[in-house]
N, C-alpha and C. Protein backbone atom coordinates (compact mmCIF):
# COMPACT_ATOMS: atom_id res chain seq x y z
N MET A 1 -10.64 -5.42 -11.64
CA MET A 1 -9.22 -5.26 -11.84
C MET A 1 -8.64 -6.58 -12.33
N GLN A 2 -7.66 -6.44 -13.19
CA GLN A 2 -6.96 -7.60 -13.73
C GLN A 2 -5.49 -7.53 -13.31
N ARG A 3 -4.82 -8.66 -13.30
CA ARG A 3 -3.40 -8.67 -12.95
C ARG A 3 -2.60 -7.75 -13.86
N ALA A 4 -3.00 -7.68 -15.13
CA ALA A 4 -2.29 -6.82 -16.09
C ALA A 4 -2.32 -5.35 -15.68
N ASP A 5 -3.32 -4.93 -14.90
CA ASP A 5 -3.39 -3.53 -14.44
C ASP A 5 -2.20 -3.16 -13.56
N PHE A 6 -1.53 -4.16 -12.97
CA PHE A 6 -0.43 -3.93 -12.04
C PHE A 6 0.94 -4.10 -12.69
N GLU A 7 0.97 -4.44 -13.97
CA GLU A 7 2.24 -4.76 -14.64
C GLU A 7 3.02 -3.54 -15.10
N GLY A 8 2.48 -2.34 -14.95
CA GLY A 8 3.16 -1.14 -15.42
C GLY A 8 4.24 -0.65 -14.48
N ASP A 9 4.87 0.43 -14.89
CA ASP A 9 5.88 1.11 -14.09
C ASP A 9 5.25 1.55 -12.77
N PRO A 10 5.99 1.45 -11.65
CA PRO A 10 5.40 1.82 -10.36
C PRO A 10 4.96 3.28 -10.28
N VAL A 11 5.59 4.16 -11.04
CA VAL A 11 5.21 5.58 -11.03
C VAL A 11 3.87 5.77 -11.74
N THR A 12 3.47 4.83 -12.57
CA THR A 12 2.16 4.86 -13.22
C THR A 12 1.12 4.14 -12.37
N VAL A 13 1.50 2.99 -11.83
CA VAL A 13 0.56 2.18 -11.05
C VAL A 13 0.21 2.86 -9.72
N ALA A 14 1.19 3.48 -9.06
CA ALA A 14 0.95 4.08 -7.74
C ALA A 14 -0.23 5.06 -7.74
N PRO A 15 -0.27 6.08 -8.60
CA PRO A 15 -1.41 7.00 -8.55
C PRO A 15 -2.72 6.34 -9.00
N TRP A 16 -2.63 5.29 -9.81
CA TRP A 16 -3.82 4.54 -10.22
C TRP A 16 -4.45 3.83 -9.03
N LEU A 17 -3.65 3.49 -8.01
CA LEU A 17 -4.17 2.82 -6.81
C LEU A 17 -5.00 3.75 -5.93
N LEU A 18 -4.84 5.05 -6.08
CA LEU A 18 -5.59 5.99 -5.24
C LEU A 18 -7.08 5.78 -5.41
N ASN A 19 -7.78 5.75 -4.30
CA ASN A 19 -9.23 5.55 -4.18
C ASN A 19 -9.66 4.09 -4.32
N LYS A 20 -8.72 3.15 -4.52
CA LYS A 20 -9.07 1.73 -4.42
C LYS A 20 -9.23 1.42 -2.94
N MET A 21 -9.88 0.32 -2.64
CA MET A 21 -10.13 -0.08 -1.25
C MET A 21 -9.18 -1.21 -0.85
N LEU A 22 -8.57 -1.08 0.31
CA LEU A 22 -7.78 -2.15 0.90
C LEU A 22 -8.64 -2.77 1.99
N VAL A 23 -8.84 -4.08 1.90
CA VAL A 23 -9.77 -4.78 2.79
C VAL A 23 -9.01 -5.91 3.49
N HIS A 24 -9.22 -6.04 4.79
CA HIS A 24 -8.68 -7.17 5.53
C HIS A 24 -9.71 -7.56 6.58
N GLY A 25 -10.31 -8.72 6.39
CA GLY A 25 -11.37 -9.15 7.29
C GLY A 25 -12.51 -8.16 7.27
N GLY A 26 -12.92 -7.67 8.44
CA GLY A 26 -14.03 -6.73 8.52
C GLY A 26 -13.63 -5.27 8.41
N GLN A 27 -12.32 -5.00 8.25
CA GLN A 27 -11.85 -3.62 8.15
C GLN A 27 -11.56 -3.27 6.69
N ALA A 28 -11.85 -2.03 6.33
CA ALA A 28 -11.55 -1.55 4.97
C ALA A 28 -11.25 -0.07 5.01
N GLY A 29 -10.36 0.33 4.10
CA GLY A 29 -10.04 1.74 3.97
C GLY A 29 -9.74 2.07 2.52
N ARG A 30 -10.03 3.32 2.17
CA ARG A 30 -9.77 3.81 0.82
C ARG A 30 -8.34 4.35 0.75
N ILE A 31 -7.57 3.91 -0.24
CA ILE A 31 -6.19 4.34 -0.38
C ILE A 31 -6.17 5.81 -0.79
N VAL A 32 -5.51 6.64 0.04
CA VAL A 32 -5.46 8.09 -0.24
C VAL A 32 -4.03 8.61 -0.42
N GLU A 33 -3.03 7.74 -0.17
CA GLU A 33 -1.64 8.17 -0.35
C GLU A 33 -0.76 6.95 -0.62
N VAL A 34 0.14 7.09 -1.59
CA VAL A 34 1.04 6.00 -1.99
C VAL A 34 2.41 6.57 -2.36
N GLU A 35 3.41 5.70 -2.38
CA GLU A 35 4.74 6.05 -2.87
C GLU A 35 5.23 4.94 -3.78
N ALA A 36 5.84 5.30 -4.90
CA ALA A 36 6.39 4.32 -5.85
C ALA A 36 7.84 4.01 -5.51
N TYR A 37 8.21 2.74 -5.67
CA TYR A 37 9.58 2.28 -5.47
C TYR A 37 9.99 1.42 -6.66
N GLY A 38 11.09 1.81 -7.30
CA GLY A 38 11.49 1.22 -8.58
C GLY A 38 12.50 0.11 -8.54
N GLY A 39 12.52 -0.70 -7.51
CA GLY A 39 13.35 -1.89 -7.48
C GLY A 39 14.83 -1.62 -7.67
N GLU A 40 15.43 -2.34 -8.61
CA GLU A 40 16.88 -2.31 -8.79
C GLU A 40 17.41 -0.99 -9.38
N ILE A 41 16.52 -0.12 -9.83
CA ILE A 41 16.96 1.19 -10.34
C ILE A 41 16.75 2.31 -9.32
N ASP A 42 16.25 1.96 -8.15
CA ASP A 42 15.87 2.95 -7.14
C ASP A 42 16.63 2.68 -5.84
N PRO A 43 17.58 3.54 -5.47
CA PRO A 43 18.36 3.27 -4.25
C PRO A 43 17.54 3.26 -2.96
N ALA A 44 16.31 3.77 -2.98
CA ALA A 44 15.46 3.75 -1.80
C ALA A 44 14.65 2.45 -1.69
N SER A 45 14.70 1.62 -2.71
CA SER A 45 13.93 0.38 -2.73
C SER A 45 14.67 -0.73 -1.99
N HIS A 46 13.92 -1.58 -1.30
CA HIS A 46 14.52 -2.74 -0.65
C HIS A 46 15.15 -3.69 -1.67
N ALA A 47 14.72 -3.63 -2.91
CA ALA A 47 15.22 -4.53 -3.95
C ALA A 47 16.38 -3.93 -4.75
N TYR A 48 16.91 -2.81 -4.32
CA TYR A 48 17.97 -2.12 -5.06
C TYR A 48 19.19 -3.00 -5.29
N ARG A 49 19.55 -3.80 -4.31
CA ARG A 49 20.73 -4.65 -4.43
C ARG A 49 20.40 -6.05 -4.93
N GLY A 50 19.20 -6.24 -5.42
CA GLY A 50 18.82 -7.54 -5.97
C GLY A 50 17.91 -8.33 -5.05
N GLN A 51 17.60 -9.52 -5.50
CA GLN A 51 16.64 -10.36 -4.79
C GLN A 51 17.28 -11.01 -3.57
N THR A 52 16.54 -10.98 -2.47
CA THR A 52 16.93 -11.64 -1.22
C THR A 52 15.69 -12.39 -0.72
N PRO A 53 15.84 -13.23 0.29
CA PRO A 53 14.63 -13.87 0.84
C PRO A 53 13.58 -12.84 1.28
N ARG A 54 14.03 -11.71 1.84
CA ARG A 54 13.10 -10.67 2.30
C ARG A 54 12.34 -10.05 1.13
N THR A 55 13.03 -9.82 0.00
CA THR A 55 12.42 -9.08 -1.11
C THR A 55 11.85 -9.97 -2.22
N SER A 56 11.88 -11.26 -2.05
CA SER A 56 11.48 -12.15 -3.15
C SER A 56 10.06 -11.89 -3.64
N VAL A 57 9.16 -11.49 -2.76
CA VAL A 57 7.78 -11.20 -3.18
C VAL A 57 7.76 -10.06 -4.20
N MET A 58 8.66 -9.08 -4.04
CA MET A 58 8.69 -7.95 -4.97
C MET A 58 9.07 -8.38 -6.39
N PHE A 59 9.76 -9.50 -6.53
CA PHE A 59 10.16 -10.00 -7.84
C PHE A 59 9.12 -10.94 -8.44
N GLY A 60 8.10 -11.25 -7.67
CA GLY A 60 7.08 -12.19 -8.11
C GLY A 60 6.02 -11.52 -8.96
N PRO A 61 4.92 -12.19 -9.15
CA PRO A 61 3.86 -11.61 -9.98
C PRO A 61 3.27 -10.35 -9.36
N PRO A 62 2.87 -9.40 -10.19
CA PRO A 62 2.24 -8.18 -9.68
C PRO A 62 0.87 -8.48 -9.07
N GLY A 63 0.42 -7.56 -8.24
CA GLY A 63 -0.89 -7.73 -7.61
C GLY A 63 -0.83 -8.49 -6.31
N HIS A 64 0.37 -8.69 -5.78
CA HIS A 64 0.55 -9.34 -4.49
C HIS A 64 0.97 -8.29 -3.45
N LEU A 65 0.93 -8.68 -2.20
CA LEU A 65 1.26 -7.78 -1.11
C LEU A 65 2.67 -8.07 -0.61
N TYR A 66 3.50 -7.04 -0.57
CA TYR A 66 4.84 -7.14 0.03
C TYR A 66 4.76 -6.44 1.38
N VAL A 67 4.92 -7.21 2.46
CA VAL A 67 4.85 -6.67 3.81
C VAL A 67 6.22 -6.81 4.45
N TYR A 68 6.70 -5.74 5.04
CA TYR A 68 8.00 -5.79 5.71
C TYR A 68 7.93 -5.15 7.09
N PHE A 69 8.89 -5.54 7.92
CA PHE A 69 9.01 -5.05 9.29
C PHE A 69 10.06 -3.95 9.30
N THR A 70 9.77 -2.82 9.94
CA THR A 70 10.70 -1.71 9.95
C THR A 70 10.90 -1.17 11.37
N TYR A 71 12.06 -0.65 11.62
CA TYR A 71 12.42 -0.07 12.92
C TYR A 71 12.21 -1.06 14.07
N GLY A 72 12.18 -2.34 13.77
CA GLY A 72 12.03 -3.35 14.80
C GLY A 72 10.69 -3.35 15.50
N MET A 73 9.69 -2.66 14.92
CA MET A 73 8.40 -2.57 15.61
C MET A 73 7.18 -2.38 14.72
N HIS A 74 7.34 -2.02 13.44
CA HIS A 74 6.17 -1.69 12.61
C HIS A 74 6.14 -2.51 11.32
N TRP A 75 4.95 -2.83 10.89
CA TRP A 75 4.74 -3.46 9.58
C TRP A 75 4.33 -2.39 8.58
N CYS A 76 4.75 -2.55 7.33
CA CYS A 76 4.34 -1.67 6.23
C CYS A 76 3.93 -2.55 5.05
N ALA A 77 2.95 -2.10 4.28
CA ALA A 77 2.40 -2.91 3.18
C ALA A 77 2.57 -2.20 1.84
N ASN A 78 2.94 -2.98 0.84
CA ASN A 78 3.17 -2.48 -0.52
C ASN A 78 2.42 -3.36 -1.51
N VAL A 79 1.99 -2.74 -2.59
CA VAL A 79 1.39 -3.48 -3.71
C VAL A 79 2.50 -3.73 -4.73
N VAL A 80 2.77 -5.00 -5.03
CA VAL A 80 3.79 -5.35 -6.01
C VAL A 80 3.27 -4.98 -7.40
N CYS A 81 4.12 -4.32 -8.18
CA CYS A 81 3.73 -3.94 -9.53
C CYS A 81 4.90 -4.18 -10.48
N GLY A 82 4.71 -3.86 -11.74
CA GLY A 82 5.74 -4.11 -12.74
C GLY A 82 5.69 -5.54 -13.22
N PRO A 83 6.46 -5.85 -14.27
CA PRO A 83 6.47 -7.21 -14.79
C PRO A 83 7.13 -8.18 -13.82
N GLU A 84 6.67 -9.42 -13.82
CA GLU A 84 7.27 -10.45 -12.96
C GLU A 84 8.76 -10.56 -13.26
N GLY A 85 9.56 -10.65 -12.20
CA GLY A 85 11.00 -10.73 -12.35
C GLY A 85 11.71 -9.39 -12.20
N GLN A 86 10.96 -8.30 -12.26
CA GLN A 86 11.51 -6.95 -12.09
C GLN A 86 10.84 -6.32 -10.87
N ALA A 87 11.59 -6.23 -9.79
CA ALA A 87 11.02 -5.76 -8.53
C ALA A 87 10.54 -4.32 -8.63
N ALA A 88 9.33 -4.09 -8.20
CA ALA A 88 8.76 -2.75 -8.10
C ALA A 88 7.56 -2.84 -7.16
N ALA A 89 7.26 -1.74 -6.49
CA ALA A 89 6.13 -1.76 -5.56
C ALA A 89 5.65 -0.36 -5.27
N ALA A 90 4.44 -0.28 -4.76
CA ALA A 90 3.86 0.98 -4.30
C ALA A 90 3.53 0.82 -2.83
N LEU A 91 4.22 1.61 -1.99
CA LEU A 91 3.94 1.61 -0.56
C LEU A 91 2.59 2.28 -0.33
N ILE A 92 1.73 1.64 0.44
CA ILE A 92 0.46 2.26 0.81
C ILE A 92 0.76 3.10 2.05
N ARG A 93 0.69 4.42 1.90
CA ARG A 93 1.07 5.34 2.98
C ARG A 93 -0.11 5.73 3.87
N ALA A 94 -1.32 5.79 3.31
CA ALA A 94 -2.46 6.22 4.13
C ALA A 94 -3.77 5.72 3.54
N LEU A 95 -4.72 5.49 4.43
CA LEU A 95 -6.08 5.08 4.06
C LEU A 95 -7.09 6.02 4.73
N GLU A 96 -8.21 6.20 4.07
CA GLU A 96 -9.37 6.81 4.72
C GLU A 96 -10.18 5.65 5.29
N PRO A 97 -10.36 5.56 6.62
CA PRO A 97 -11.13 4.46 7.19
C PRO A 97 -12.56 4.45 6.66
N VAL A 98 -13.02 3.26 6.26
CA VAL A 98 -14.35 3.15 5.68
C VAL A 98 -15.23 2.16 6.44
N ARG A 99 -14.67 1.02 6.81
CA ARG A 99 -15.48 -0.03 7.45
C ARG A 99 -14.67 -0.68 8.57
N GLY A 100 -15.36 -1.03 9.65
CA GLY A 100 -14.71 -1.69 10.77
C GLY A 100 -13.98 -0.72 11.68
N LEU A 101 -14.51 0.50 11.80
CA LEU A 101 -13.83 1.55 12.58
C LEU A 101 -13.67 1.18 14.05
N GLU A 102 -14.63 0.49 14.63
CA GLU A 102 -14.51 0.11 16.05
C GLU A 102 -13.34 -0.84 16.24
N ASP A 103 -13.18 -1.80 15.32
CA ASP A 103 -12.03 -2.71 15.39
C ASP A 103 -10.72 -1.96 15.18
N MET A 104 -10.74 -0.97 14.28
CA MET A 104 -9.54 -0.16 14.07
C MET A 104 -9.17 0.60 15.33
N ARG A 105 -10.18 1.14 16.02
CA ARG A 105 -9.91 1.89 17.26
C ARG A 105 -9.34 0.97 18.34
N LEU A 106 -9.81 -0.28 18.39
CA LEU A 106 -9.25 -1.24 19.35
C LEU A 106 -7.79 -1.54 19.04
N ALA A 107 -7.46 -1.62 17.76
CA ALA A 107 -6.09 -1.90 17.34
C ALA A 107 -5.19 -0.68 17.48
N ARG A 108 -5.78 0.52 17.46
CA ARG A 108 -5.00 1.77 17.53
C ARG A 108 -5.59 2.69 18.61
N PRO A 109 -5.52 2.31 19.86
CA PRO A 109 -6.15 3.10 20.92
C PRO A 109 -5.57 4.51 21.09
N ALA A 110 -4.36 4.75 20.60
CA ALA A 110 -3.77 6.09 20.72
C ALA A 110 -4.35 7.09 19.72
N ALA A 111 -5.04 6.60 18.69
CA ALA A 111 -5.62 7.49 17.68
C ALA A 111 -6.78 8.27 18.30
N ARG A 112 -6.65 9.57 18.34
CA ARG A 112 -7.68 10.41 18.94
C ARG A 112 -8.83 10.73 17.99
N LYS A 113 -8.51 10.83 16.70
CA LYS A 113 -9.51 11.18 15.69
C LYS A 113 -9.56 10.09 14.63
N GLU A 114 -10.67 10.01 13.93
CA GLU A 114 -10.83 9.01 12.88
C GLU A 114 -9.73 9.13 11.83
N ARG A 115 -9.34 10.35 11.46
CA ARG A 115 -8.32 10.54 10.43
C ARG A 115 -6.96 10.00 10.87
N ASP A 116 -6.76 9.83 12.20
CA ASP A 116 -5.49 9.33 12.72
C ASP A 116 -5.40 7.80 12.76
N LEU A 117 -6.46 7.11 12.42
CA LEU A 117 -6.44 5.65 12.46
C LEU A 117 -5.49 5.05 11.44
N CYS A 118 -5.43 5.63 10.24
CA CYS A 118 -4.69 5.02 9.13
C CYS A 118 -3.83 6.02 8.37
N ASN A 119 -3.41 7.11 9.01
CA ASN A 119 -2.69 8.17 8.30
C ASN A 119 -1.17 7.99 8.36
N GLY A 120 -0.73 6.80 8.08
CA GLY A 120 0.69 6.47 8.00
C GLY A 120 0.81 4.99 7.68
N PRO A 121 1.91 4.57 7.06
CA PRO A 121 2.01 3.17 6.64
C PRO A 121 1.97 2.17 7.78
N ALA A 122 2.60 2.47 8.92
CA ALA A 122 2.55 1.55 10.06
C ALA A 122 1.18 1.60 10.73
N LYS A 123 0.61 2.79 10.81
CA LYS A 123 -0.71 2.94 11.44
C LYS A 123 -1.77 2.13 10.71
N LEU A 124 -1.77 2.18 9.37
CA LEU A 124 -2.81 1.46 8.63
C LEU A 124 -2.63 -0.04 8.77
N CYS A 125 -1.38 -0.50 8.87
CA CYS A 125 -1.17 -1.94 9.09
C CYS A 125 -1.68 -2.35 10.47
N GLN A 126 -1.45 -1.50 11.49
CA GLN A 126 -1.99 -1.79 12.82
C GLN A 126 -3.51 -1.83 12.77
N ALA A 127 -4.12 -0.82 12.16
CA ALA A 127 -5.57 -0.70 12.13
C ALA A 127 -6.24 -1.86 11.41
N LEU A 128 -5.63 -2.32 10.31
CA LEU A 128 -6.19 -3.43 9.55
C LEU A 128 -5.62 -4.78 9.96
N ARG A 129 -4.73 -4.76 10.95
CA ARG A 129 -4.09 -5.98 11.45
C ARG A 129 -3.36 -6.74 10.34
N ILE A 130 -2.62 -5.98 9.55
CA ILE A 130 -1.77 -6.57 8.51
C ILE A 130 -0.39 -6.78 9.12
N SER A 131 0.16 -7.98 8.93
CA SER A 131 1.47 -8.30 9.49
C SER A 131 2.25 -9.19 8.53
N GLY A 132 3.36 -9.69 8.99
CA GLY A 132 4.21 -10.53 8.16
C GLY A 132 3.53 -11.78 7.64
N VAL A 133 2.52 -12.27 8.32
CA VAL A 133 1.81 -13.46 7.82
C VAL A 133 1.07 -13.15 6.52
N ASP A 134 0.86 -11.87 6.22
CA ASP A 134 0.17 -11.47 5.00
C ASP A 134 1.13 -11.23 3.84
N ASN A 135 2.43 -11.31 4.09
CA ASN A 135 3.41 -11.12 3.02
C ASN A 135 3.17 -12.13 1.91
N GLY A 136 3.07 -11.64 0.68
CA GLY A 136 2.84 -12.50 -0.47
C GLY A 136 1.38 -12.74 -0.79
N ALA A 137 0.46 -12.21 0.01
CA ALA A 137 -0.97 -12.41 -0.25
C ALA A 137 -1.33 -11.91 -1.64
N ASP A 138 -2.15 -12.68 -2.34
CA ASP A 138 -2.64 -12.29 -3.66
C ASP A 138 -3.81 -11.34 -3.44
N LEU A 139 -3.62 -10.06 -3.76
CA LEU A 139 -4.64 -9.04 -3.52
C LEU A 139 -5.87 -9.20 -4.41
N LEU A 140 -5.77 -10.02 -5.43
CA LEU A 140 -6.87 -10.23 -6.36
C LEU A 140 -7.51 -11.60 -6.20
N ALA A 141 -7.07 -12.39 -5.22
CA ALA A 141 -7.47 -13.79 -5.09
C ALA A 141 -8.96 -14.02 -4.97
N ALA A 142 -9.65 -13.14 -4.31
CA ALA A 142 -11.07 -13.37 -4.07
C ALA A 142 -11.96 -12.84 -5.18
N GLY A 143 -11.37 -12.41 -6.28
CA GLY A 143 -12.19 -11.95 -7.40
C GLY A 143 -12.75 -10.57 -7.18
N GLN A 144 -13.97 -10.40 -7.53
CA GLN A 144 -14.60 -9.08 -7.58
C GLN A 144 -14.99 -8.54 -6.21
N GLY A 145 -14.04 -8.49 -5.30
CA GLY A 145 -14.29 -7.81 -4.04
C GLY A 145 -14.95 -8.65 -2.96
N SER A 146 -15.20 -9.92 -3.21
CA SER A 146 -15.78 -10.72 -2.15
C SER A 146 -14.69 -11.04 -1.15
N VAL A 147 -15.02 -11.00 0.11
CA VAL A 147 -14.03 -11.26 1.14
C VAL A 147 -14.18 -12.72 1.57
N VAL A 148 -13.34 -13.57 1.01
CA VAL A 148 -13.36 -15.00 1.32
C VAL A 148 -12.19 -15.29 2.24
N GLY A 149 -12.45 -15.81 3.41
CA GLY A 149 -11.39 -16.20 4.31
C GLY A 149 -10.71 -15.05 5.02
N GLY A 150 -11.15 -13.84 4.83
CA GLY A 150 -10.60 -12.70 5.55
C GLY A 150 -9.23 -12.26 5.11
N GLY A 151 -8.75 -12.70 3.94
CA GLY A 151 -7.44 -12.30 3.45
C GLY A 151 -7.41 -10.83 3.06
N VAL A 152 -6.21 -10.33 2.78
CA VAL A 152 -6.05 -8.94 2.36
C VAL A 152 -6.41 -8.85 0.88
N LEU A 153 -7.29 -7.93 0.55
CA LEU A 153 -7.76 -7.76 -0.82
C LEU A 153 -7.67 -6.31 -1.24
N LEU A 154 -7.55 -6.11 -2.53
CA LEU A 154 -7.64 -4.79 -3.12
C LEU A 154 -8.92 -4.79 -3.95
N VAL A 155 -9.78 -3.81 -3.72
CA VAL A 155 -11.10 -3.78 -4.33
C VAL A 155 -11.32 -2.44 -5.03
N ASP A 156 -11.86 -2.49 -6.22
CA ASP A 156 -12.24 -1.28 -6.94
C ASP A 156 -13.75 -1.13 -6.81
N ASP A 157 -14.20 -0.13 -6.05
CA ASP A 157 -15.63 0.07 -5.86
C ASP A 157 -16.21 1.07 -6.86
N GLY A 158 -15.42 1.42 -7.88
CA GLY A 158 -15.91 2.33 -8.91
C GLY A 158 -15.50 3.77 -8.71
N THR A 159 -14.90 4.10 -7.57
CA THR A 159 -14.43 5.46 -7.34
C THR A 159 -13.11 5.64 -8.09
N PRO A 160 -13.07 6.51 -9.08
CA PRO A 160 -11.84 6.65 -9.87
C PRO A 160 -10.74 7.37 -9.10
N PRO A 161 -9.49 7.16 -9.51
CA PRO A 161 -8.41 7.95 -8.90
C PRO A 161 -8.60 9.41 -9.29
N PRO A 162 -8.04 10.33 -8.53
CA PRO A 162 -8.19 11.75 -8.89
C PRO A 162 -7.56 12.02 -10.26
N LYS A 163 -8.18 12.89 -11.03
CA LYS A 163 -7.62 13.24 -12.35
C LYS A 163 -6.27 13.91 -12.21
N ARG A 164 -6.10 14.69 -11.15
CA ARG A 164 -4.83 15.36 -10.88
C ARG A 164 -4.42 15.10 -9.43
N PRO A 165 -3.80 13.94 -9.19
CA PRO A 165 -3.37 13.69 -7.81
C PRO A 165 -2.28 14.67 -7.41
N ALA A 166 -2.23 14.97 -6.13
CA ALA A 166 -1.12 15.76 -5.61
C ALA A 166 0.13 14.90 -5.70
N ARG A 167 1.28 15.56 -5.84
CA ARG A 167 2.53 14.82 -6.05
C ARG A 167 3.67 15.53 -5.33
N GLY A 168 4.53 14.73 -4.72
CA GLY A 168 5.68 15.30 -4.02
C GLY A 168 6.77 14.27 -3.84
N THR A 169 7.79 14.65 -3.10
CA THR A 169 8.90 13.73 -2.84
C THR A 169 8.50 12.72 -1.76
N ARG A 170 9.17 11.59 -1.79
CA ARG A 170 8.89 10.53 -0.83
C ARG A 170 9.39 10.94 0.56
N ILE A 171 8.79 10.33 1.58
CA ILE A 171 9.05 10.69 2.97
C ILE A 171 9.73 9.52 3.69
N GLY A 172 10.58 9.83 4.67
CA GLY A 172 11.12 8.81 5.55
C GLY A 172 12.23 7.96 4.95
N ILE A 173 12.88 8.46 3.91
CA ILE A 173 14.00 7.74 3.30
C ILE A 173 15.22 8.64 3.30
N ARG A 174 16.39 8.05 3.09
CA ARG A 174 17.63 8.83 3.10
C ARG A 174 18.23 9.00 1.71
N VAL A 175 17.87 8.12 0.78
CA VAL A 175 18.40 8.18 -0.58
C VAL A 175 17.22 8.23 -1.55
N GLY A 176 17.46 8.74 -2.75
CA GLY A 176 16.37 8.85 -3.72
C GLY A 176 15.32 9.87 -3.31
N THR A 177 15.72 10.80 -2.45
CA THR A 177 14.76 11.77 -1.90
C THR A 177 14.30 12.80 -2.92
N GLU A 178 15.01 12.92 -4.03
CA GLU A 178 14.64 13.92 -5.04
C GLU A 178 13.48 13.46 -5.93
N LYS A 179 13.20 12.17 -5.93
CA LYS A 179 12.14 11.65 -6.80
C LYS A 179 10.76 12.06 -6.29
N ARG A 180 9.97 12.61 -7.17
CA ARG A 180 8.60 13.03 -6.83
C ARG A 180 7.65 11.87 -7.09
N TRP A 181 7.85 10.81 -6.30
CA TRP A 181 7.11 9.57 -6.49
C TRP A 181 6.10 9.31 -5.38
N ARG A 182 5.70 10.35 -4.65
CA ARG A 182 4.63 10.23 -3.66
C ARG A 182 3.39 10.90 -4.25
N PHE A 183 2.26 10.22 -4.15
CA PHE A 183 1.00 10.70 -4.73
C PHE A 183 -0.09 10.62 -3.67
N TRP A 184 -1.01 11.59 -3.67
CA TRP A 184 -2.10 11.55 -2.71
C TRP A 184 -3.34 12.24 -3.28
N VAL A 185 -4.46 11.94 -2.64
CA VAL A 185 -5.74 12.55 -3.02
C VAL A 185 -5.75 13.96 -2.42
N PRO A 186 -5.84 14.99 -3.27
CA PRO A 186 -5.81 16.37 -2.75
C PRO A 186 -6.94 16.63 -1.75
N GLY A 187 -6.61 17.32 -0.67
CA GLY A 187 -7.61 17.71 0.32
C GLY A 187 -8.08 16.60 1.24
N GLN A 188 -7.53 15.42 1.13
CA GLN A 188 -7.97 14.29 1.95
C GLN A 188 -7.35 14.39 3.34
N ALA A 189 -8.19 14.37 4.37
CA ALA A 189 -7.73 14.57 5.75
C ALA A 189 -6.87 13.42 6.27
N SER A 190 -6.99 12.23 5.71
CA SER A 190 -6.25 11.07 6.22
C SER A 190 -4.85 10.92 5.64
N VAL A 191 -4.42 11.84 4.77
CA VAL A 191 -3.07 11.79 4.23
C VAL A 191 -2.09 11.96 5.39
N SER A 192 -0.96 11.24 5.34
CA SER A 192 0.03 11.30 6.43
C SER A 192 0.61 12.70 6.56
N ARG A 193 1.08 13.01 7.74
CA ARG A 193 1.63 14.34 8.02
C ARG A 193 3.11 14.34 7.85
């Protein structure tokens, strides 16, 4: 993957992220669900009203991680996309757990089944131990998938995104609900409910 792969419109980049691997330390999961957020043109985006200290990462170079705290208790992770200076991101909504499942279970003891470890944006951050300290992480920093220093990485293991991803409206927002900017791998058990 190259940084240029992330410079497109979030509605194009989001489904392209499906089946890429999100890696943090010894844990990894395959991205199976995402939502696109269009920055200053999207009332559901944190960047809708412009750049703030909280949203500055979204205005930076694409291919970085935007992590935010929500409801006073949960972290959520987004892949920054679009050209630098124009805020856009793809929320990672769900992962299929692939590596480090025992550590994920320790981080998410309430998960009864494997599919419940990462089937929501807050759950996957808990399972992979992604938090505010990871905000701004360069997802491409370690190159071709090598895990150096345990940072958060995005890895392409050769599994292509689905030719026809499922598509629907975004979840858990109050505005911009009509946009069909949520994409997922059809039939994947780890997609959020």
